[in-house]
Amino acid sequence: MQAAIATLIGVLGTGFVSLLFQFMRMMGARLDRIESKVDNLGGELKNHGERLARIETTLGINPPAEAA
């Protein structure tokens, strides 16, 4: 009887650990995707800022000087 209980506990424990590792792997993949999206957003913001600066230059606008 004790051997059956020990086996059951071992099987359930192994299943739980396996499930935990799968969850951690899934969360790691999700974090990688989020990090990738944030990196892409940073590049888009940089491009937007450069484009805005070119438009301001073309129009002869100097925002820091006009803000002062």
C-alpha atoms as a PDB file:
ATOM      1  CA  MET A   1       0.000   0.000   0.000  1.00  0.00           C
ATOM      2  CA  GLN A   2       2.784   2.425   0.878  1.00  0.00           C
ATOM      3  CA  ALA A   3       4.547   1.620  -2.397  1.00  0.00           C
ATOM      4  CA  ALA A   4       1.376   2.461  -4.343  1.00  0.00           C
ATOM      5  CA  ILE A   5       1.005   5.770  -2.532  1.00  0.00           C
ATOM      6  CA  ALA A   6       4.682   6.623  -3.101  1.00  0.00           C
ATOM      7  CA  THR A   7       4.334   5.773  -6.794  1.00  0.00           C
ATOM      8  CA  LEU A   8       1.200   7.906  -7.103  1.00  0.00           C
ATOM      9  CA  ILE A   9       2.896  10.843  -5.398  1.00  0.00           C
ATOM     10  CA  GLY A  10       5.924  10.448  -7.688  1.00  0.00           C
ATOM     11  CA  VAL A  11       3.794  10.347 -10.827  1.00  0.00           C
ATOM     12  CA  LEU A  12       1.730  13.369  -9.779  1.00  0.00           C
ATOM     13  CA  GLY A  13       4.859  15.274  -8.764  1.00  0.00           C
ATOM     14  CA  THR A  14       6.562  14.532 -12.082  1.00  0.00           C
ATOM     15  CA  GLY A  15       3.462  15.658 -13.973  1.00  0.00           C
ATOM     16  CA  PHE A  16       3.301  18.866 -11.972  1.00  0.00           C
ATOM     17  CA  VAL A  17       6.969  19.660 -12.601  1.00  0.00           C
ATOM     18  CA  SER A  18       6.508  18.958 -16.314  1.00  0.00           C
ATOM     19  CA  LEU A  19       3.481  21.260 -16.412  1.00  0.00           C
ATOM     20  CA  LEU A  20       5.440  23.966 -14.603  1.00  0.00           C
ATOM     21  CA  PHE A  21       8.287  23.752 -17.132  1.00  0.00           C
ATOM     22  CA  GLN A  22       5.824  23.986 -20.046  1.00  0.00           C
ATOM     23  CA  PHE A  23       4.239  27.065 -18.471  1.00  0.00           C
ATOM     24  CA  MET A  24       7.629  28.705 -17.961  1.00  0.00           C
ATOM     25  CA  ARG A  25       8.611  27.961 -21.572  1.00  0.00           C
ATOM     26  CA  MET A  26       5.320  29.415 -22.842  1.00  0.00           C
ATOM     27  CA  MET A  27       5.754  32.581 -20.767  1.00  0.00           C
ATOM     28  CA  GLY A  28       9.334  32.954 -22.012  1.00  0.00           C
ATOM     29  CA  ALA A  29       8.139  32.781 -25.619  1.00  0.00           C
ATOM     30  CA  ARG A  30       5.447  35.343 -24.882  1.00  0.00           C
ATOM     31  CA  LEU A  31       7.980  37.684 -23.278  1.00  0.00           C
ATOM     32  CA  ASP A  32      10.261  37.306 -26.322  1.00  0.00           C
ATOM     33  CA  ARG A  33       7.385  38.348 -28.612  1.00  0.00           C
ATOM     34  CA  ILE A  34       6.573  41.340 -26.418  1.00  0.00           C
ATOM     35  CA  GLU A  35      10.228  42.374 -26.359  1.00  0.00           C
ATOM     36  CA  SER A  36      10.372  42.113 -30.147  1.00  0.00           C
ATOM     37  CA  LYS A  37       7.279  44.307 -30.516  1.00  0.00           C
ATOM     38  CA  VAL A  38       8.735  46.919 -28.149  1.00  0.00           C
ATOM     39  CA  ASP A  39      11.985  46.960 -30.132  1.00  0.00           C
ATOM     40  CA  ASN A  40      10.039  47.464 -33.366  1.00  0.00           C
ATOM     41  CA  LEU A  41       8.021  50.261 -31.776  1.00  0.00           C
ATOM     42  CA  GLY A  42      11.236  52.015 -30.759  1.00  0.00           C
ATOM     43  CA  GLY A  43      12.473  51.883 -34.353  1.00  0.00           C
ATOM     44  CA  GLU A  44       9.165  53.240 -35.641  1.00  0.00           C
ATOM     45  CA  LEU A  45       9.285  56.104 -33.146  1.00  0.00           C
ATOM     46  CA  LYS A  46      12.828  56.959 -34.219  1.00  0.00           C
ATOM     47  CA  ASN A  47      11.780  56.997 -37.876  1.00  0.00           C
ATOM     48  CA  HIS A  48       8.761  59.146 -37.017  1.00  0.00           C
ATOM     49  CA  GLY A  49      10.967  61.613 -35.125  1.00  0.00           C
ATOM     50  CA  GLU A  50      13.416  61.874 -38.031  1.00  0.00           C
ATOM     51  CA  ARG A  51      10.547  62.417 -40.459  1.00  0.00           C
ATOM     52  CA  LEU A  52       9.055  65.113 -38.217  1.00  0.00           C
ATOM     53  CA  ALA A  53      12.445  66.836 -37.983  1.00  0.00           C
ATOM     54  CA  ARG A  54      12.734  66.879 -41.806  1.00  0.00           C
ATOM     55  CA  ILE A  55       9.246  68.377 -42.116  1.00  0.00           C
ATOM     56  CA  GLU A  56      10.051  71.026 -39.492  1.00  0.00           C
ATOM     57  CA  THR A  57      13.276  71.865 -41.312  1.00  0.00           C
ATOM     58  CA  THR A  58      11.429  72.122 -44.624  1.00  0.00           C
ATOM     59  CA  LEU A  59       8.834  74.438 -43.084  1.00  0.00           C
ATOM     60  CA  GLY A  60      11.496  76.476 -41.258  1.00  0.00           C
ATOM     61  CA  ILE A  61      10.156  75.603 -37.833  1.00  0.00           C
ATOM     62  CA  ASN A  62      12.540  75.403 -34.874  1.00  0.00           C
ATOM     63  CA  PRO A  63      10.403  74.038 -31.984  1.00  0.00           C
ATOM     64  CA  PRO A  64      12.923  74.467 -29.135  1.00  0.00           C
ATOM     65  CA  ALA A  65      13.558  78.101 -30.095  1.00  0.00           C
ATOM     66  CA  GLU A  66       9.849  78.860 -30.478  1.00  0.00           C
ATOM     67  CA  ALA A  67       9.025  77.176 -27.156  1.00  0.00           C
ATOM     68  CA  ALA A  68      11.400  79.465 -25.260  1.00  0.00           C
END
